[in-house]
Amino acid sequence: MFRLILALLIPWLQFFTIGKPISGIICLILQITLIGWPVAAIWSVYALSQYNTDKKIKQAMRGQD
């Protein structure tokens, strides 16, 4: 829940918390403009959902071993 709020309010910082610093820098550049802020927030939420999905897949794969 905290990461979702972070993704909406400070999108670039959320990328750093999931280990994608280059995307975070690009997102920060987008976020500097008011027009880019919604795009950055949507991108950040999408990246967070992908991160969560990847974590669940890794956990499921460990459970199969």
Protein backbone atom coordinates (compact mmCIF):
# COMPACT_ATOMS: atom_id res chain seq x y z
CA MET A 1 0.00 0.00 0.00
CA PHE A 2 2.84 2.38 0.87
CA ARG A 3 4.54 1.80 -2.48
CA LEU A 4 1.29 2.54 -4.33
CA ILE A 5 0.92 5.89 -2.57
CA LEU A 6 4.58 6.58 -3.29
CA ALA A 7 4.03 5.69 -6.96
CA LEU A 8 1.24 8.25 -7.23
CA LEU A 9 2.83 11.09 -5.26
CA ILE A 10 6.55 10.69 -5.97
CA PRO A 11 6.77 8.37 -8.98
CA TRP A 12 10.51 8.65 -9.54
CA LEU A 13 11.33 7.58 -5.97
CA GLN A 14 9.24 4.43 -6.29
CA PHE A 15 11.49 3.23 -9.12
CA PHE A 16 14.48 3.45 -6.81
CA THR A 17 12.68 1.33 -4.18
CA ILE A 18 12.13 -1.49 -6.68
CA GLY A 19 15.71 -1.40 -7.96
CA LYS A 20 15.31 0.48 -11.26
CA PRO A 21 17.41 3.65 -10.89
CA ILE A 22 17.69 4.48 -14.61
CA SER A 23 13.91 4.40 -14.95
CA GLY A 24 13.76 6.55 -11.84
CA ILE A 25 15.93 9.23 -13.44
CA ILE A 26 13.86 9.19 -16.63
CA CYS A 27 10.70 9.38 -14.56
CA LEU A 28 12.10 12.35 -12.62
CA ILE A 29 12.68 14.19 -15.89
CA LEU A 30 9.07 13.46 -16.87
CA GLN A 31 7.81 14.52 -13.48
CA ILE A 32 9.47 17.93 -13.69
CA THR A 33 6.80 19.02 -16.15
CA LEU A 34 3.18 19.24 -15.05
CA ILE A 35 2.05 17.47 -18.22
CA GLY A 36 4.50 14.62 -17.58
CA TRP A 37 3.44 14.06 -13.96
CA PRO A 38 0.33 11.95 -14.75
CA VAL A 39 2.32 9.95 -17.30
CA ALA A 40 5.07 9.36 -14.74
CA ALA A 41 2.52 8.30 -12.11
CA ILE A 42 0.81 5.83 -14.47
CA TRP A 43 4.16 4.41 -15.54
CA SER A 44 5.22 4.07 -11.91
CA VAL A 45 2.02 2.24 -10.91
CA TYR A 46 2.41 -0.08 -13.91
CA ALA A 47 6.04 -0.82 -13.02
CA LEU A 48 5.00 -1.52 -9.43
CA SER A 49 2.36 -4.02 -10.56
CA GLN A 50 4.95 -5.76 -12.76
CA TYR A 51 7.37 -5.86 -9.82
CA ASN A 52 4.72 -7.44 -7.59
CA THR A 53 3.83 -9.98 -10.29
CA ASP A 54 7.49 -10.92 -10.73
CA LYS A 55 7.84 -11.42 -6.97
CA LYS A 56 4.79 -13.72 -6.90
CA ILE A 57 6.12 -15.76 -9.84
CA LYS A 58 9.50 -16.18 -8.11
CA GLN A 59 7.79 -17.29 -4.91
CA ALA A 60 5.66 -19.80 -6.83
CA MET A 61 8.72 -21.17 -8.62
CA ARG A 62 10.50 -21.66 -5.30
CA GLY A 63 7.46 -23.55 -4.02
CA GLN A 64 7.65 -26.03 -6.92
CA ASP A 65 11.23 -27.11 -6.20
